[in-house]
Amino acid sequence: MKIDIHKIFEESEIYLSDMTCVDIVGDNDNAKQFLDGQVTSDIALLSDNNKVQLSSICNQKGYVVCDFFLIWEEGFKIVLDKNKYPKLISELEIFARFSKVELVESQVNIIGEVSDKKNEWTFLKNKFGNLGIKLSDNLNLNLPQITSERWQVLNLLSNNLLLTENYLGKYRPDEIMYDDMRVSFTKGCFRGQEIIARIKYRGKKKYSINKIASNTKEGLNSENHSLLCDPLKFDNYYFGLARFDSDKTTNESDLIIL
């Protein structure tokens, strides 16, 4: 069984109707200070040439309670799944008031793109292609359109797990590769930072995390690994992210480790 990953990354676009945009309204210095003390990423890296950043917020125990895209577009914005919006507000609203900023849901179109070349909206780049997310007042899509399932698989294949609501608060960043994708260890403090940093620099991993695929949903299950997300289906294959303990091996014939 062989999967042509390059084909999955062909240039395309998608209107992400299940996502929403939250503006951080107020003085930009206040907004920066507010976000810097809450999010796991380094917002100082955002600019007009680098508009999008993967980010998240954690609780005091270091568990990821919400993940999202941070965007700089004439101010700071948070883009996330609509079903995670209530969680975001409940986690950040009190801190926003202290910082004299507001979290305001805005009406804007959110478009995901797969491209051969990096641009200001790119948030992930790998050997197969580039993933980006952009804001637009109109819905003029110029490239072939793809499904939500394909968009999710593209992110998974790029090591970017998009947590669904039922997995919020279940994992620390290192357990789902967020320590590499969404966490800065050189910025200032944020909730859970001490525990997350201790695990990163003092802990010794006794497991590996791998992307897996099978031509059946049941083929993703095994006593030799544990699935970290619900299976994703695209093009007659099932994809997932799995944790493999170091003292176990896998020899399932219908399982592909990507």
C-alpha atoms as a PDB file:
ATOM      1  CA  MET A   1       0.000   0.000   0.000  1.00  0.00           C
ATOM      2  CA  LYS A   2       1.479   3.317  -1.117  1.00  0.00           C
ATOM      3  CA  ILE A   3       0.085   6.815  -0.665  1.00  0.00           C
ATOM      4  CA  ASP A   4       1.032   9.618  -3.057  1.00  0.00           C
ATOM      5  CA  ILE A   5       1.374  12.483  -0.593  1.00  0.00           C
ATOM      6  CA  HIS A   6       2.580  14.918  -3.255  1.00  0.00           C
ATOM      7  CA  LYS A   7      -0.761  14.534  -5.017  1.00  0.00           C
ATOM      8  CA  ILE A   8      -2.654  15.406  -1.843  1.00  0.00           C
ATOM      9  CA  PHE A   9      -0.667  18.657  -1.669  1.00  0.00           C
ATOM     10  CA  GLU A  10      -1.673  19.905  -5.127  1.00  0.00           C
ATOM     11  CA  GLU A  11      -2.446  23.640  -5.225  1.00  0.00           C
ATOM     12  CA  SER A  12      -5.964  24.285  -3.964  1.00  0.00           C
ATOM     13  CA  GLU A  13      -8.178  26.375  -1.703  1.00  0.00           C
ATOM     14  CA  ILE A  14     -11.016  25.909   0.762  1.00  0.00           C
ATOM     15  CA  TYR A  15     -13.562  28.233   2.340  1.00  0.00           C
ATOM     16  CA  LEU A  16     -13.329  27.381   6.033  1.00  0.00           C
ATOM     17  CA  SER A  17     -16.957  28.015   6.934  1.00  0.00           C
ATOM     18  CA  ASP A  18     -16.583  26.182  10.262  1.00  0.00           C
ATOM     19  CA  MET A  19     -14.040  28.721  11.523  1.00  0.00           C
ATOM     20  CA  THR A  20     -14.457  32.191  13.014  1.00  0.00           C
ATOM     21  CA  CYS A  21     -12.261  35.235  13.552  1.00  0.00           C
ATOM     22  CA  VAL A  22     -11.877  37.098  16.848  1.00  0.00           C
ATOM     23  CA  ASP A  23     -10.423  40.614  16.801  1.00  0.00           C
ATOM     24  CA  ILE A  24      -8.369  41.812  19.762  1.00  0.00           C
ATOM     25  CA  VAL A  25      -9.836  45.304  19.974  1.00  0.00           C
ATOM     26  CA  GLY A  26      -7.929  48.045  21.782  1.00  0.00           C
ATOM     27  CA  ASP A  27      -4.526  49.641  21.856  1.00  0.00           C
ATOM     28  CA  ASN A  28      -2.043  47.408  20.003  1.00  0.00           C
ATOM     29  CA  ASP A  29       0.504  47.637  22.820  1.00  0.00           C
ATOM     30  CA  ASN A  30      -2.142  46.465  25.300  1.00  0.00           C
ATOM     31  CA  ALA A  31      -3.172  43.680  22.903  1.00  0.00           C
ATOM     32  CA  LYS A  32       0.437  42.548  22.522  1.00  0.00           C
ATOM     33  CA  GLN A  33       0.993  42.507  26.277  1.00  0.00           C
ATOM     34  CA  PHE A  34      -2.264  40.607  26.795  1.00  0.00           C
ATOM     35  CA  LEU A  35      -1.486  37.935  24.189  1.00  0.00           C
ATOM     36  CA  ASP A  36       2.153  37.608  25.203  1.00  0.00           C
ATOM     37  CA  GLY A  37       1.141  36.517  28.699  1.00  0.00           C
ATOM     38  CA  GLN A  38      -1.389  33.964  27.480  1.00  0.00           C
ATOM     39  CA  VAL A  39      -0.397  32.292  24.210  1.00  0.00           C
ATOM     40  CA  THR A  40       2.364  29.724  23.794  1.00  0.00           C
ATOM     41  CA  SER A  41       3.861  31.188  20.590  1.00  0.00           C
ATOM     42  CA  ASP A  42       6.091  34.239  20.148  1.00  0.00           C
ATOM     43  CA  ILE A  43       3.864  36.970  18.711  1.00  0.00           C
ATOM     44  CA  ALA A  44       6.915  39.179  18.109  1.00  0.00           C
ATOM     45  CA  LEU A  45       7.537  37.044  15.008  1.00  0.00           C
ATOM     46  CA  LEU A  46       4.290  38.221  13.389  1.00  0.00           C
ATOM     47  CA  SER A  47       4.638  40.950  10.769  1.00  0.00           C
ATOM     48  CA  ASP A  48       3.196  42.201   7.486  1.00  0.00           C
ATOM     49  CA  ASN A  49       5.382  39.602   5.730  1.00  0.00           C
ATOM     50  CA  ASN A  50       4.596  36.812   8.198  1.00  0.00           C
ATOM     51  CA  LYS A  51       0.919  37.236   9.054  1.00  0.00           C
ATOM     52  CA  VAL A  52      -0.022  33.815  10.451  1.00  0.00           C
ATOM     53  CA  GLN A  53       1.257  31.763  13.362  1.00  0.00           C
ATOM     54  CA  LEU A  54       0.196  28.508  14.974  1.00  0.00           C
ATOM     55  CA  SER A  55      -0.532  29.033  18.651  1.00  0.00           C
ATOM     56  CA  SER A  56      -2.454  27.774  21.686  1.00  0.00           C
ATOM     57  CA  ILE A  57      -3.217  28.455  25.333  1.00  0.00           C
ATOM     58  CA  CYS A  58      -2.587  26.064  28.204  1.00  0.00           C
ATOM     59  CA  ASN A  59      -3.799  25.787  31.774  1.00  0.00           C
ATOM     60  CA  GLN A  60      -1.567  26.020  34.841  1.00  0.00           C
ATOM     61  CA  LYS A  61      -0.846  22.278  34.623  1.00  0.00           C
ATOM     62  CA  GLY A  62       0.453  22.653  31.069  1.00  0.00           C
ATOM     63  CA  TYR A  63      -2.446  21.035  29.210  1.00  0.00           C
ATOM     64  CA  VAL A  64      -3.607  22.562  25.920  1.00  0.00           C
ATOM     65  CA  VAL A  65      -7.086  24.006  26.487  1.00  0.00           C
ATOM     66  CA  CYS A  66      -7.461  25.703  23.092  1.00  0.00           C
ATOM     67  CA  ASP A  67      -5.512  25.856  19.827  1.00  0.00           C
ATOM     68  CA  PHE A  68      -5.831  28.389  17.033  1.00  0.00           C
ATOM     69  CA  PHE A  69      -4.141  30.567  14.418  1.00  0.00           C
ATOM     70  CA  LEU A  70      -2.804  33.970  15.447  1.00  0.00           C
ATOM     71  CA  ILE A  71      -2.961  36.575  12.693  1.00  0.00           C
ATOM     72  CA  TRP A  72      -1.532  40.064  12.304  1.00  0.00           C
ATOM     73  CA  GLU A  73      -3.636  42.121   9.889  1.00  0.00           C
ATOM     74  CA  GLU A  74      -3.765  45.739  11.012  1.00  0.00           C
ATOM     75  CA  GLY A  75      -4.116  44.374  14.520  1.00  0.00           C
ATOM     76  CA  PHE A  76      -4.092  40.995  16.261  1.00  0.00           C
ATOM     77  CA  LYS A  77      -6.717  38.373  15.447  1.00  0.00           C
ATOM     78  CA  ILE A  78      -7.423  34.806  16.523  1.00  0.00           C
ATOM     79  CA  VAL A  79      -8.868  32.305  14.042  1.00  0.00           C
ATOM     80  CA  LEU A  80     -10.295  29.043  15.345  1.00  0.00           C
ATOM     81  CA  ASP A  81     -13.081  26.498  14.949  1.00  0.00           C
ATOM     82  CA  LYS A  82     -16.478  27.925  15.839  1.00  0.00           C
ATOM     83  CA  ASN A  83     -17.144  25.133  18.338  1.00  0.00           C
ATOM     84  CA  LYS A  84     -14.016  26.156  20.288  1.00  0.00           C
ATOM     85  CA  TYR A  85     -15.004  29.836  20.442  1.00  0.00           C
ATOM     86  CA  PRO A  86     -16.859  29.527  23.807  1.00  0.00           C
ATOM     87  CA  LYS A  87     -13.796  27.857  25.350  1.00  0.00           C
ATOM     88  CA  LEU A  88     -11.507  30.622  24.073  1.00  0.00           C
ATOM     89  CA  ILE A  89     -13.734  33.334  25.518  1.00  0.00           C
ATOM     90  CA  SER A  90     -14.073  31.591  28.890  1.00  0.00           C
ATOM     91  CA  GLU A  91     -10.286  31.242  29.139  1.00  0.00           C
ATOM     92  CA  LEU A  92      -9.284  34.740  28.010  1.00  0.00           C
ATOM     93  CA  GLU A  93     -12.100  37.188  28.725  1.00  0.00           C
ATOM     94  CA  ILE A  94     -11.113  37.987  32.305  1.00  0.00           C
ATOM     95  CA  PHE A  95      -7.489  38.616  31.308  1.00  0.00           C
ATOM     96  CA  ALA A  96      -8.645  40.758  28.379  1.00  0.00           C
ATOM     97  CA  ARG A  97     -10.534  43.056  30.744  1.00  0.00           C
ATOM     98  CA  PHE A  98      -7.460  43.508  32.926  1.00  0.00           C
ATOM     99  CA  SER A  99      -5.471  44.415  29.789  1.00  0.00           C
ATOM    100  CA  LYS A 100      -8.152  46.869  28.582  1.00  0.00           C
ATOM    101  CA  VAL A 101      -8.834  45.000  25.347  1.00  0.00           C
ATOM    102  CA  GLU A 102     -11.953  43.284  24.016  1.00  0.00           C
ATOM    103  CA  LEU A 103     -12.492  40.006  22.188  1.00  0.00           C
ATOM    104  CA  VAL A 104     -14.891  40.739  19.340  1.00  0.00           C
ATOM    105  CA  GLU A 105     -16.071  38.169  16.806  1.00  0.00           C
ATOM    106  CA  SER A 106     -15.810  39.641  13.300  1.00  0.00           C
ATOM    107  CA  GLN A 107     -17.516  38.873  10.003  1.00  0.00           C
ATOM    108  CA  VAL A 108     -14.787  37.902   7.560  1.00  0.00           C
ATOM    109  CA  ASN A 109     -14.206  34.998   5.186  1.00  0.00           C
ATOM    110  CA  ILE A 110     -11.491  32.559   6.225  1.00  0.00           C
ATOM    111  CA  ILE A 111      -9.767  30.723   3.392  1.00  0.00           C
ATOM    112  CA  GLY A 112      -7.270  27.879   3.595  1.00  0.00           C
ATOM    113  CA  GLU A 113      -4.765  27.508   0.791  1.00  0.00           C
ATOM    114  CA  VAL A 114      -2.309  24.927  -0.449  1.00  0.00           C
ATOM    115  CA  SER A 115       0.442  26.445  -2.593  1.00  0.00           C
ATOM    116  CA  ASP A 116       3.807  25.701  -4.140  1.00  0.00           C
ATOM    117  CA  LYS A 117       5.310  29.000  -2.987  1.00  0.00           C
ATOM    118  CA  LYS A 118       5.477  30.568   0.453  1.00  0.00           C
ATOM    119  CA  ASN A 119       3.663  33.882   0.955  1.00  0.00           C
ATOM    120  CA  GLU A 120       2.711  36.155   3.856  1.00  0.00           C
ATOM    121  CA  TRP A 121      -0.239  33.913   4.791  1.00  0.00           C
ATOM    122  CA  THR A 122       1.794  30.672   4.991  1.00  0.00           C
ATOM    123  CA  PHE A 123       1.872  29.041   8.422  1.00  0.00           C
ATOM    124  CA  LEU A 124       3.508  25.713   7.471  1.00  0.00           C
ATOM    125  CA  LYS A 125       6.100  24.800   4.891  1.00  0.00           C
ATOM    126  CA  ASN A 126       7.349  21.302   4.128  1.00  0.00           C
ATOM    127  CA  LYS A 127       8.791  19.297   1.233  1.00  0.00           C
ATOM    128  CA  PHE A 128       5.327  18.568  -0.162  1.00  0.00           C
ATOM    129  CA  GLY A 129       3.936  22.100  -0.221  1.00  0.00           C
ATOM    130  CA  ASN A 130       2.839  25.100   1.825  1.00  0.00           C
ATOM    131  CA  LEU A 131      -0.271  25.567   3.932  1.00  0.00           C
ATOM    132  CA  GLY A 132      -1.713  29.015   4.513  1.00  0.00           C
ATOM    133  CA  ILE A 133      -4.775  30.665   5.946  1.00  0.00           C
ATOM    134  CA  LYS A 134      -5.955  34.112   4.888  1.00  0.00           C
ATOM    135  CA  LEU A 135      -8.745  36.584   5.587  1.00  0.00           C
ATOM    136  CA  SER A 136     -10.827  38.005   2.771  1.00  0.00           C
ATOM    137  CA  ASP A 137     -13.875  40.239   2.332  1.00  0.00           C
ATOM    138  CA  ASN A 138     -14.980  38.189  -0.672  1.00  0.00           C
ATOM    139  CA  LEU A 139     -15.101  34.561  -1.704  1.00  0.00           C
ATOM    140  CA  ASN A 140     -13.297  34.709  -5.024  1.00  0.00           C
ATOM    141  CA  LEU A 141     -11.520  31.343  -4.982  1.00  0.00           C
ATOM    142  CA  ASN A 142      -9.141  31.020  -7.935  1.00  0.00           C
ATOM    143  CA  LEU A 143      -7.746  27.539  -7.319  1.00  0.00           C
ATOM    144  CA  PRO A 144      -9.475  24.127  -7.266  1.00  0.00           C
ATOM    145  CA  GLN A 145     -11.512  23.734  -4.109  1.00  0.00           C
ATOM    146  CA  ILE A 146     -10.948  20.914  -1.639  1.00  0.00           C
ATOM    147  CA  THR A 147     -13.020  19.309   1.112  1.00  0.00           C
ATOM    148  CA  SER A 148     -12.741  19.862   4.842  1.00  0.00           C
ATOM    149  CA  GLU A 149     -11.546  16.258   5.234  1.00  0.00           C
ATOM    150  CA  ARG A 150      -8.656  16.845   2.855  1.00  0.00           C
ATOM    151  CA  TRP A 151      -7.715  20.086   4.648  1.00  0.00           C
ATOM    152  CA  GLN A 152      -7.569  18.250   7.974  1.00  0.00           C
ATOM    153  CA  VAL A 153      -5.426  15.478   6.484  1.00  0.00           C
ATOM    154  CA  LEU A 154      -3.077  18.045   4.909  1.00  0.00           C
ATOM    155  CA  ASN A 155      -2.543  19.590   8.322  1.00  0.00           C
ATOM    156  CA  LEU A 156      -2.006  16.204   9.961  1.00  0.00           C
ATOM    157  CA  LEU A 157       0.559  15.219   7.313  1.00  0.00           C
ATOM    158  CA  SER A 158       2.336  18.496   8.086  1.00  0.00           C
ATOM    159  CA  ASN A 159       2.550  17.543  11.797  1.00  0.00           C
ATOM    160  CA  ASN A 160      -0.186  20.033  12.657  1.00  0.00           C
ATOM    161  CA  LEU A 161      -2.904  18.236  14.581  1.00  0.00           C
ATOM    162  CA  LEU A 162      -6.088  20.312  14.719  1.00  0.00           C
ATOM    163  CA  LEU A 163      -7.619  19.384  18.052  1.00  0.00           C
ATOM    164  CA  THR A 164     -11.345  18.769  18.136  1.00  0.00           C
ATOM    165  CA  GLU A 165     -13.392  19.982  21.084  1.00  0.00           C
ATOM    166  CA  ASN A 166     -13.406  16.614  22.865  1.00  0.00           C
ATOM    167  CA  TYR A 167      -9.592  16.578  23.061  1.00  0.00           C
ATOM    168  CA  LEU A 168      -9.130  20.031  24.624  1.00  0.00           C
ATOM    169  CA  GLY A 169      -7.415  19.794  28.012  1.00  0.00           C
ATOM    170  CA  LYS A 170      -6.295  16.217  27.390  1.00  0.00           C
ATOM    171  CA  TYR A 171      -2.703  16.661  26.156  1.00  0.00           C
ATOM    172  CA  ARG A 172       0.386  18.644  27.011  1.00  0.00           C
ATOM    173  CA  PRO A 173       2.208  20.161  24.001  1.00  0.00           C
ATOM    174  CA  ASP A 174       4.940  17.508  23.869  1.00  0.00           C
ATOM    175  CA  GLU A 175       2.360  14.727  23.538  1.00  0.00           C
ATOM    176  CA  ILE A 176       0.979  16.009  20.216  1.00  0.00           C
ATOM    177  CA  MET A 177       4.063  17.743  18.725  1.00  0.00           C
ATOM    178  CA  TYR A 178       2.809  21.182  19.764  1.00  0.00           C
ATOM    179  CA  ASP A 179       6.107  21.813  21.566  1.00  0.00           C
ATOM    180  CA  ASP A 180       7.724  22.006  18.113  1.00  0.00           C
ATOM    181  CA  MET A 181       4.802  23.575  16.236  1.00  0.00           C
ATOM    182  CA  ARG A 182       3.151  26.041  18.620  1.00  0.00           C
ATOM    183  CA  VAL A 183       5.396  26.733  21.620  1.00  0.00           C
ATOM    184  CA  SER A 184       8.239  29.237  21.991  1.00  0.00           C
ATOM    185  CA  PHE A 185      10.741  28.453  24.736  1.00  0.00           C
ATOM    186  CA  THR A 186      12.503  31.820  24.413  1.00  0.00           C
ATOM    187  CA  LYS A 187       9.581  34.223  24.925  1.00  0.00           C
ATOM    188  CA  GLY A 188       8.176  35.496  28.213  1.00  0.00           C
ATOM    189  CA  CYS A 189       5.993  33.578  30.641  1.00  0.00           C
ATOM    190  CA  PHE A 190       2.607  32.094  29.825  1.00  0.00           C
ATOM    191  CA  ARG A 191       0.280  29.766  31.689  1.00  0.00           C
ATOM    192  CA  GLY A 192       1.802  26.334  32.190  1.00  0.00           C
ATOM    193  CA  GLN A 193       5.207  27.407  30.878  1.00  0.00           C
ATOM    194  CA  GLU A 194       7.245  26.092  33.800  1.00  0.00           C
ATOM    195  CA  ILE A 195       5.832  22.562  33.533  1.00  0.00           C
ATOM    196  CA  ILE A 196       6.044  22.538  29.724  1.00  0.00           C
ATOM    197  CA  ALA A 197       9.679  23.693  29.775  1.00  0.00           C
ATOM    198  CA  ARG A 198      10.603  21.168  32.466  1.00  0.00           C
ATOM    199  CA  ILE A 199       9.188  18.318  30.384  1.00  0.00           C
ATOM    200  CA  LYS A 200      10.973  19.611  27.280  1.00  0.00           C
ATOM    201  CA  TYR A 201      14.440  19.945  28.792  1.00  0.00           C
ATOM    202  CA  ARG A 202      14.492  17.500  31.693  1.00  0.00           C
ATOM    203  CA  GLY A 203      12.157  14.756  30.615  1.00  0.00           C
ATOM    204  CA  LYS A 204      13.262  11.755  28.602  1.00  0.00           C
ATOM    205  CA  LYS A 205      10.655  10.606  26.140  1.00  0.00           C
ATOM    206  CA  LYS A 206       9.832   6.931  26.349  1.00  0.00           C
ATOM    207  CA  TYR A 207       7.648   7.103  23.268  1.00  0.00           C
ATOM    208  CA  SER A 208       7.561   8.386  19.709  1.00  0.00           C
ATOM    209  CA  ILE A 209       4.755  10.132  17.861  1.00  0.00           C
ATOM    210  CA  ASN A 210       4.057   9.158  14.264  1.00  0.00           C
ATOM    211  CA  LYS A 211       1.510   9.803  11.561  1.00  0.00           C
ATOM    212  CA  ILE A 212      -0.130   6.573  10.447  1.00  0.00           C
ATOM    213  CA  ALA A 213      -2.458   5.464   7.663  1.00  0.00           C
ATOM    214  CA  SER A 214      -4.445   2.392   6.712  1.00  0.00           C
ATOM    215  CA  ASN A 215      -6.995   1.416   4.090  1.00  0.00           C
ATOM    216  CA  THR A 216      -9.432   0.509   6.876  1.00  0.00           C
ATOM    217  CA  LYS A 217     -10.490   2.353  10.010  1.00  0.00           C
ATOM    218  CA  GLU A 218      -9.857  -0.746  12.092  1.00  0.00           C
ATOM    219  CA  GLY A 219      -6.329  -0.920  10.668  1.00  0.00           C
ATOM    220  CA  LEU A 220      -5.372   2.173  12.677  1.00  0.00           C
ATOM    221  CA  ASN A 221      -6.042   0.392  15.963  1.00  0.00           C
ATOM    222  CA  SER A 222      -3.401  -1.705  17.669  1.00  0.00           C
ATOM    223  CA  GLU A 223      -2.262  -2.738  21.126  1.00  0.00           C
ATOM    224  CA  ASN A 224       1.193  -1.490  20.107  1.00  0.00           C
ATOM    225  CA  HIS A 225       0.162   2.169  19.903  1.00  0.00           C
ATOM    226  CA  SER A 226      -2.542   4.564  21.039  1.00  0.00           C
ATOM    227  CA  LEU A 227      -4.400   6.962  18.759  1.00  0.00           C
ATOM    228  CA  LEU A 228      -4.183  10.621  19.758  1.00  0.00           C
ATOM    229  CA  CYS A 229      -7.071  11.832  17.588  1.00  0.00           C
ATOM    230  CA  ASP A 230     -10.168  10.605  15.824  1.00  0.00           C
ATOM    231  CA  PRO A 231      -9.366   8.919  12.475  1.00  0.00           C
ATOM    232  CA  LEU A 232      -9.507  11.151   9.397  1.00  0.00           C
ATOM    233  CA  LYS A 233     -10.739   9.700   6.116  1.00  0.00           C
ATOM    234  CA  PHE A 234      -9.655  10.875   2.681  1.00  0.00           C
ATOM    235  CA  ASP A 235      -9.377   9.174  -0.712  1.00  0.00           C
ATOM    236  CA  ASN A 236     -10.127   5.647   0.570  1.00  0.00           C
ATOM    237  CA  TYR A 237      -7.529   5.902   3.342  1.00  0.00           C
ATOM    238  CA  TYR A 238      -7.763   6.532   7.051  1.00  0.00           C
ATOM    239  CA  PHE A 239      -5.163   8.732   8.739  1.00  0.00           C
ATOM    240  CA  GLY A 240      -4.273   9.306  12.380  1.00  0.00           C
ATOM    241  CA  LEU A 241      -1.636  10.411  14.859  1.00  0.00           C
ATOM    242  CA  ALA A 242      -0.358   7.718  17.193  1.00  0.00           C
ATOM    243  CA  ARG A 243       1.873   7.330  20.195  1.00  0.00           C
ATOM    244  CA  PHE A 244       4.273   4.376  20.084  1.00  0.00           C
ATOM    245  CA  ASP A 245       5.882   3.315  23.347  1.00  0.00           C
ATOM    246  CA  SER A 246       9.597   2.699  22.977  1.00  0.00           C
ATOM    247  CA  ASP A 247       9.370  -0.860  24.310  1.00  0.00           C
ATOM    248  CA  LYS A 248       6.830  -1.910  21.686  1.00  0.00           C
ATOM    249  CA  THR A 249       7.118  -2.622  17.986  1.00  0.00           C
ATOM    250  CA  THR A 250       4.540  -2.807  15.253  1.00  0.00           C
ATOM    251  CA  ASN A 251       4.320  -5.304  12.434  1.00  0.00           C
ATOM    252  CA  GLU A 252       0.767  -4.781  11.191  1.00  0.00           C
ATOM    253  CA  SER A 253       0.830  -5.390   7.458  1.00  0.00           C
ATOM    254  CA  ASP A 254      -1.981  -2.942   6.667  1.00  0.00           C
ATOM    255  CA  LEU A 255      -0.533  -0.046   8.683  1.00  0.00           C
ATOM    256  CA  ILE A 256       1.680   2.648   7.123  1.00  0.00           C
ATOM    257  CA  ILE A 257       3.904   4.828   9.303  1.00  0.00           C
ATOM    258  CA  LEU A 258       4.284   8.079   7.400  1.00  0.00           C
END
